[in-house]
């Protein structure tokens, strides 16, 4: 499920405070870009926790309903809860990988963890930096 939620960004001396009214949660970032990323992460985490507890994820409020102070910035943060769940699911899965016997032998002899090498190679191929 994808949605966009309003957030209120408040700049203070050293960082940006973020309030997400629909979830009644706060987070912060070092700048606006980081604050929006942190808001997306907080909303995603709260949303999948709510789903796990069989609670309904709230519908986004209308921007016109958001009350802010003079210097606050109100913006929307998009969240894909399904994608967030997949990206944060650290459960492992078993895959059947076919290798030439000689390569498997050399890897075993060298005490190489084939699963770890495959994970690194897949991340490099997919350009995943995390």
N, C-alpha and C. Protein backbone atom coordinates (compact mmCIF):
# COMPACT_ATOMS: atom_id res chain seq x y z
N UNK A 1 0.84 -1.18 0.00
CA UNK A 1 0.00 0.00 0.00
C UNK A 1 0.89 1.25 0.00
N UNK A 2 0.58 2.17 -0.88
CA UNK A 2 1.30 3.43 -0.98
C UNK A 2 0.41 4.57 -0.54
N UNK A 3 1.03 5.56 0.08
CA UNK A 3 0.29 6.74 0.48
C UNK A 3 1.26 7.89 0.69
N UNK A 4 0.73 9.09 0.85
CA UNK A 4 1.54 10.28 1.15
C UNK A 4 0.93 10.96 2.37
N UNK A 5 1.75 11.17 3.37
CA UNK A 5 1.29 11.74 4.64
C UNK A 5 1.87 13.13 4.85
N UNK A 6 1.08 14.05 5.39
CA UNK A 6 1.62 15.37 5.70
C UNK A 6 2.53 15.30 6.92
N UNK A 7 3.59 16.07 6.86
CA UNK A 7 4.51 16.20 7.99
C UNK A 7 4.78 17.68 8.21
N UNK A 8 5.11 18.00 9.45
CA UNK A 8 5.44 19.38 9.81
C UNK A 8 6.93 19.41 10.14
N UNK A 9 7.68 20.25 9.42
CA UNK A 9 9.12 20.38 9.62
C UNK A 9 9.40 21.69 10.34
N UNK A 10 10.11 21.60 11.46
CA UNK A 10 10.46 22.78 12.24
C UNK A 10 11.96 22.88 12.33
N UNK A 11 12.52 23.97 11.79
CA UNK A 11 13.97 24.16 11.82
C UNK A 11 14.37 24.76 13.17
N UNK A 12 15.30 24.09 13.84
CA UNK A 12 15.90 24.63 15.06
C UNK A 12 17.38 24.84 14.77
N UNK A 13 18.15 25.26 15.75
CA UNK A 13 19.55 25.64 15.50
C UNK A 13 20.36 24.58 14.77
N UNK A 14 20.29 23.34 15.23
CA UNK A 14 21.21 22.32 14.71
C UNK A 14 20.57 21.23 13.87
N UNK A 15 19.24 21.22 13.77
CA UNK A 15 18.58 20.14 13.04
C UNK A 15 17.14 20.52 12.69
N UNK A 16 16.47 19.59 12.05
CA UNK A 16 15.06 19.78 11.68
C UNK A 16 14.22 18.78 12.47
N UNK A 17 13.23 19.26 13.19
CA UNK A 17 12.30 18.39 13.92
C UNK A 17 11.12 18.09 13.00
N UNK A 18 10.71 16.83 12.99
CA UNK A 18 9.60 16.39 12.14
C UNK A 18 8.48 15.86 13.03
N UNK A 19 7.26 16.32 12.76
CA UNK A 19 6.09 15.78 13.44
C UNK A 19 5.17 15.20 12.37
N UNK A 20 4.72 13.97 12.59
CA UNK A 20 3.80 13.30 11.67
C UNK A 20 2.44 13.20 12.39
N UNK A 21 1.53 14.14 12.12
CA UNK A 21 0.27 14.19 12.87
C UNK A 21 -0.57 12.92 12.79
N UNK A 22 -0.63 12.30 11.62
CA UNK A 22 -1.52 11.13 11.46
C UNK A 22 -1.07 9.93 12.30
N UNK A 23 0.19 9.90 12.67
CA UNK A 23 0.70 8.81 13.50
C UNK A 23 1.10 9.30 14.90
N UNK A 24 1.02 10.62 15.12
CA UNK A 24 1.41 11.23 16.39
C UNK A 24 2.83 10.82 16.79
N UNK A 25 3.76 10.94 15.83
CA UNK A 25 5.16 10.59 16.10
C UNK A 25 6.07 11.73 15.68
N UNK A 26 7.24 11.77 16.31
CA UNK A 26 8.28 12.75 16.00
C UNK A 26 9.54 12.03 15.56
N UNK A 27 10.31 12.71 14.76
CA UNK A 27 11.66 12.27 14.42
C UNK A 27 12.44 13.54 14.09
N UNK A 28 13.66 13.39 13.63
CA UNK A 28 14.44 14.57 13.28
C UNK A 28 15.49 14.21 12.24
N UNK A 29 16.04 15.23 11.61
CA UNK A 29 17.11 15.04 10.64
C UNK A 29 18.07 16.20 10.71
N UNK A 30 19.25 16.00 10.15
CA UNK A 30 20.28 17.06 10.21
C UNK A 30 19.99 18.20 9.24
N UNK A 31 19.23 17.90 8.17
CA UNK A 31 18.81 18.91 7.20
C UNK A 31 17.45 18.48 6.66
N UNK A 32 16.89 19.25 5.72
CA UNK A 32 15.54 18.92 5.24
C UNK A 32 15.50 17.57 4.53
N UNK A 33 16.50 17.28 3.71
CA UNK A 33 16.52 15.99 3.02
C UNK A 33 16.54 14.84 4.02
N UNK A 34 17.43 14.92 5.01
CA UNK A 34 17.54 13.88 6.03
C UNK A 34 16.25 13.79 6.84
N UNK A 35 15.65 14.92 7.14
CA UNK A 35 14.41 14.93 7.93
C UNK A 35 13.28 14.21 7.19
N UNK A 36 13.19 14.43 5.88
CA UNK A 36 12.15 13.76 5.09
C UNK A 36 12.42 12.25 5.02
N UNK A 37 13.69 11.87 4.87
CA UNK A 37 14.04 10.44 4.88
C UNK A 37 13.69 9.81 6.23
N UNK A 38 13.99 10.51 7.31
CA UNK A 38 13.68 10.00 8.64
C UNK A 38 12.17 9.91 8.85
N UNK A 39 11.43 10.86 8.31
CA UNK A 39 9.97 10.82 8.40
C UNK A 39 9.43 9.60 7.67
N UNK A 40 9.95 9.35 6.46
CA UNK A 40 9.51 8.18 5.68
C UNK A 40 9.81 6.90 6.47
N UNK A 41 10.97 6.84 7.07
CA UNK A 41 11.35 5.67 7.85
C UNK A 41 10.43 5.50 9.07
N UNK A 42 10.15 6.59 9.76
CA UNK A 42 9.29 6.52 10.95
C UNK A 42 7.87 6.10 10.57
N UNK A 43 7.35 6.67 9.49
CA UNK A 43 6.00 6.31 9.04
C UNK A 43 5.97 4.84 8.62
N UNK A 44 6.98 4.41 7.86
CA UNK A 44 7.03 3.02 7.40
C UNK A 44 7.09 2.05 8.56
N UNK A 45 7.93 2.34 9.54
CA UNK A 45 8.07 1.46 10.70
C UNK A 45 6.78 1.42 11.50
N UNK A 46 6.18 2.59 11.73
CA UNK A 46 4.93 2.63 12.49
C UNK A 46 3.82 1.89 11.73
N UNK A 47 3.77 2.08 10.43
CA UNK A 47 2.73 1.43 9.62
C UNK A 47 2.82 -0.09 9.65
N UNK A 48 4.03 -0.63 9.48
CA UNK A 48 4.13 -2.10 9.49
C UNK A 48 3.95 -2.65 10.90
N UNK A 49 4.31 -1.88 11.93
CA UNK A 49 4.01 -2.31 13.30
C UNK A 49 2.50 -2.37 13.52
N UNK A 50 1.80 -1.37 13.01
CA UNK A 50 0.34 -1.35 13.15
C UNK A 50 -0.28 -2.54 12.41
N UNK A 51 0.20 -2.81 11.21
CA UNK A 51 -0.31 -3.96 10.45
C UNK A 51 -0.06 -5.26 11.22
N UNK A 52 1.13 -5.39 11.80
CA UNK A 52 1.45 -6.59 12.56
C UNK A 52 0.55 -6.76 13.78
N UNK A 53 0.08 -5.63 14.32
CA UNK A 53 -0.83 -5.66 15.48
C UNK A 53 -2.30 -5.66 15.05
N UNK A 54 -2.55 -5.88 13.76
CA UNK A 54 -3.91 -5.89 13.19
C UNK A 54 -4.65 -4.58 13.42
N UNK A 55 -3.90 -3.48 13.42
CA UNK A 55 -4.51 -2.16 13.52
C UNK A 55 -4.58 -1.55 12.12
N UNK A 56 -5.55 -0.69 11.91
CA UNK A 56 -5.70 -0.02 10.63
C UNK A 56 -4.71 1.14 10.53
N UNK A 57 -4.00 1.20 9.41
CA UNK A 57 -3.12 2.34 9.16
C UNK A 57 -4.01 3.54 8.85
N UNK A 58 -3.74 4.69 9.48
CA UNK A 58 -4.62 5.84 9.27
C UNK A 58 -4.55 6.37 7.85
N UNK A 59 -5.65 6.92 7.39
CA UNK A 59 -5.66 7.63 6.12
C UNK A 59 -4.96 8.97 6.33
N UNK A 60 -4.31 9.46 5.29
CA UNK A 60 -3.63 10.76 5.43
C UNK A 60 -4.62 11.91 5.62
N UNK A 61 -4.23 12.85 6.44
CA UNK A 61 -5.02 14.06 6.61
C UNK A 61 -4.85 14.93 5.37
N UNK A 62 -5.80 15.81 5.16
CA UNK A 62 -5.69 16.80 4.09
C UNK A 62 -4.69 17.87 4.54
N UNK A 63 -3.91 18.38 3.60
CA UNK A 63 -2.95 19.44 3.95
C UNK A 63 -3.64 20.63 4.59
N UNK A 64 -4.84 20.94 4.15
CA UNK A 64 -5.58 22.08 4.69
C UNK A 64 -5.95 21.89 6.16
N UNK A 65 -5.94 20.66 6.65
CA UNK A 65 -6.29 20.38 8.05
C UNK A 65 -5.10 20.53 9.00
N UNK A 66 -3.89 20.66 8.45
CA UNK A 66 -2.68 20.67 9.27
C UNK A 66 -2.46 22.06 9.86
N UNK A 67 -2.30 22.10 11.18
CA UNK A 67 -2.05 23.35 11.89
C UNK A 67 -0.55 23.47 12.11
N UNK A 68 0.01 24.63 11.70
CA UNK A 68 1.45 24.82 11.83
C UNK A 68 1.74 26.20 12.40
N UNK A 69 2.96 26.35 12.91
CA UNK A 69 3.42 27.67 13.36
C UNK A 69 3.97 28.43 12.15
N UNK A 70 4.25 29.70 12.33
CA UNK A 70 4.66 30.57 11.23
C UNK A 70 5.85 30.04 10.42
N UNK A 71 6.91 29.61 11.08
CA UNK A 71 8.12 29.22 10.37
C UNK A 71 8.15 27.74 10.00
N UNK A 72 7.15 26.99 10.36
CA UNK A 72 7.10 25.56 10.03
C UNK A 72 6.87 25.36 8.54
N UNK A 73 7.33 24.24 8.04
CA UNK A 73 7.09 23.85 6.66
C UNK A 73 6.22 22.60 6.70
N UNK A 74 5.14 22.60 5.93
CA UNK A 74 4.29 21.42 5.82
C UNK A 74 4.49 20.84 4.42
N UNK A 75 4.77 19.55 4.37
CA UNK A 75 4.96 18.88 3.10
C UNK A 75 4.41 17.47 3.19
N UNK A 76 4.38 16.79 2.06
CA UNK A 76 3.95 15.40 2.03
C UNK A 76 5.15 14.48 1.94
N UNK A 77 5.06 13.34 2.61
CA UNK A 77 6.08 12.31 2.52
C UNK A 77 5.40 11.04 2.03
N UNK A 78 5.92 10.52 0.91
CA UNK A 78 5.34 9.30 0.35
C UNK A 78 5.97 8.07 1.00
N UNK A 79 5.14 7.06 1.20
CA UNK A 79 5.58 5.81 1.82
C UNK A 79 4.92 4.65 1.08
N UNK A 80 5.73 3.66 0.75
CA UNK A 80 5.24 2.41 0.19
C UNK A 80 5.42 1.37 1.28
N UNK A 81 4.36 1.06 2.00
CA UNK A 81 4.46 0.16 3.15
C UNK A 81 4.91 -1.25 2.74
N UNK A 82 4.46 -1.73 1.59
CA UNK A 82 4.88 -3.06 1.14
C UNK A 82 6.38 -3.08 0.85
N UNK A 83 6.87 -2.07 0.16
CA UNK A 83 8.31 -1.98 -0.13
C UNK A 83 9.10 -1.83 1.17
N UNK A 84 8.59 -1.00 2.09
CA UNK A 84 9.28 -0.80 3.37
C UNK A 84 9.40 -2.12 4.12
N UNK A 85 8.33 -2.89 4.13
CA UNK A 85 8.36 -4.19 4.81
C UNK A 85 9.40 -5.11 4.17
N UNK A 86 9.43 -5.18 2.85
CA UNK A 86 10.41 -6.03 2.16
C UNK A 86 11.84 -5.59 2.46
N UNK A 87 12.09 -4.29 2.46
CA UNK A 87 13.45 -3.78 2.65
C UNK A 87 13.92 -3.96 4.10
N UNK A 88 12.99 -4.09 5.02
CA UNK A 88 13.37 -4.22 6.42
C UNK A 88 13.17 -5.62 6.97
N UNK A 89 12.81 -6.54 6.10
CA UNK A 89 12.64 -7.93 6.51
C UNK A 89 13.99 -8.63 6.39
N UNK A 90 14.63 -8.89 7.51
CA UNK A 90 15.96 -9.47 7.51
C UNK A 90 15.93 -11.00 7.62
N UNK A 91 14.74 -11.57 7.51
CA UNK A 91 14.60 -13.01 7.52
C UNK A 91 15.35 -13.58 6.32
N UNK A 92 16.02 -14.68 6.50
CA UNK A 92 16.74 -15.28 5.39
C UNK A 92 15.86 -16.29 4.67
N UNK A 93 16.16 -16.49 3.39
CA UNK A 93 15.46 -17.48 2.60
C UNK A 93 16.50 -18.42 1.99
N UNK A 94 16.10 -19.65 1.81
CA UNK A 94 17.00 -20.63 1.22
C UNK A 94 16.81 -20.62 -0.29
N UNK A 95 17.95 -20.52 -1.01
CA UNK A 95 17.93 -20.56 -2.47
C UNK A 95 18.83 -21.70 -2.92
N UNK A 96 18.46 -22.36 -3.96
CA UNK A 96 19.27 -23.42 -4.53
C UNK A 96 20.13 -22.81 -5.62
N UNK A 97 21.45 -22.82 -5.43
CA UNK A 97 22.37 -22.21 -6.38
C UNK A 97 23.19 -23.32 -7.03
N UNK A 98 23.33 -23.25 -8.34
CA UNK A 98 24.09 -24.25 -9.08
C UNK A 98 25.48 -23.69 -9.39
N UNK A 99 26.50 -24.45 -8.98
CA UNK A 99 27.90 -24.09 -9.23
C UNK A 99 28.61 -25.27 -9.85
N UNK A 100 29.64 -25.00 -10.63
CA UNK A 100 30.47 -26.13 -11.07
C UNK A 100 31.13 -26.77 -9.84
N UNK A 101 31.25 -28.06 -9.86
CA UNK A 101 31.79 -28.79 -8.71
C UNK A 101 33.18 -28.28 -8.31
N UNK A 102 34.02 -28.01 -9.30
CA UNK A 102 35.37 -27.55 -8.99
C UNK A 102 35.36 -26.22 -8.24
N UNK A 103 34.40 -25.32 -8.60
CA UNK A 103 34.31 -24.02 -7.94
C UNK A 103 33.82 -24.17 -6.51
N UNK A 104 32.85 -25.03 -6.31
CA UNK A 104 32.36 -25.31 -4.97
C UNK A 104 33.49 -25.88 -4.11
N UNK A 105 34.28 -26.79 -4.69
CA UNK A 105 35.40 -27.41 -3.97
C UNK A 105 36.41 -26.34 -3.56
N UNK A 106 36.77 -25.45 -4.49
CA UNK A 106 37.75 -24.40 -4.19
C UNK A 106 37.24 -23.44 -3.12
N UNK A 107 35.97 -23.10 -3.18
CA UNK A 107 35.39 -22.21 -2.18
C UNK A 107 35.39 -22.85 -0.81
N UNK A 108 35.01 -24.13 -0.76
CA UNK A 108 35.00 -24.85 0.51
C UNK A 108 36.41 -24.98 1.07
N UNK A 109 37.37 -25.31 0.21
CA UNK A 109 38.76 -25.46 0.63
C UNK A 109 39.31 -24.15 1.20
N UNK A 110 38.88 -23.04 0.62
CA UNK A 110 39.35 -21.73 1.06
C UNK A 110 38.50 -21.16 2.19
N UNK A 111 37.52 -21.94 2.66
CA UNK A 111 36.63 -21.52 3.75
C UNK A 111 35.89 -20.22 3.40
N UNK A 112 35.45 -20.14 2.15
CA UNK A 112 34.68 -18.99 1.70
C UNK A 112 33.20 -19.26 1.93
N UNK A 113 32.53 -18.28 2.53
CA UNK A 113 31.09 -18.36 2.76
C UNK A 113 30.39 -17.97 1.46
N UNK A 114 29.93 -18.96 0.72
CA UNK A 114 29.33 -18.72 -0.59
C UNK A 114 28.09 -17.83 -0.47
N UNK A 115 27.30 -18.01 0.56
CA UNK A 115 26.10 -17.17 0.74
C UNK A 115 26.49 -15.70 0.89
N UNK A 116 27.53 -15.42 1.69
CA UNK A 116 27.97 -14.04 1.89
C UNK A 116 28.50 -13.44 0.59
N UNK A 117 29.26 -14.23 -0.17
CA UNK A 117 29.79 -13.75 -1.45
C UNK A 117 28.64 -13.46 -2.41
N UNK A 118 27.66 -14.34 -2.45
CA UNK A 118 26.50 -14.14 -3.32
C UNK A 118 25.72 -12.89 -2.92
N UNK A 119 25.54 -12.67 -1.62
CA UNK A 119 24.83 -11.48 -1.16
C UNK A 119 25.56 -10.21 -1.59
N UNK A 120 26.89 -10.18 -1.40
CA UNK A 120 27.67 -9.00 -1.80
C UNK A 120 27.58 -8.78 -3.31
N UNK A 121 27.67 -9.86 -4.08
CA UNK A 121 27.61 -9.75 -5.54
C UNK A 121 26.24 -9.25 -6.00
N UNK A 122 25.18 -9.76 -5.39
CA UNK A 122 23.83 -9.31 -5.75
C UNK A 122 23.64 -7.84 -5.41
N UNK A 123 24.12 -7.42 -4.24
CA UNK A 123 24.01 -6.01 -3.86
C UNK A 123 24.79 -5.12 -4.83
N UNK A 124 25.99 -5.56 -5.23
CA UNK A 124 26.77 -4.77 -6.19
C UNK A 124 26.05 -4.72 -7.53
N UNK A 125 25.54 -5.83 -7.99
CA UNK A 125 24.84 -5.88 -9.29
C UNK A 125 23.59 -5.02 -9.27
N UNK A 126 22.89 -4.99 -8.13
CA UNK A 126 21.66 -4.22 -8.00
C UNK A 126 21.90 -2.78 -7.54
N UNK A 127 23.18 -2.46 -7.30
CA UNK A 127 23.59 -1.11 -6.84
C UNK A 127 22.90 -0.75 -5.52
N UNK A 128 22.87 -1.72 -4.62
CA UNK A 128 22.32 -1.51 -3.27
C UNK A 128 23.48 -1.22 -2.34
N UNK A 129 23.46 -0.07 -1.67
CA UNK A 129 24.58 0.33 -0.85
C UNK A 129 24.41 0.01 0.63
N UNK A 130 23.20 -0.36 1.04
CA UNK A 130 22.96 -0.64 2.47
C UNK A 130 23.29 -2.07 2.76
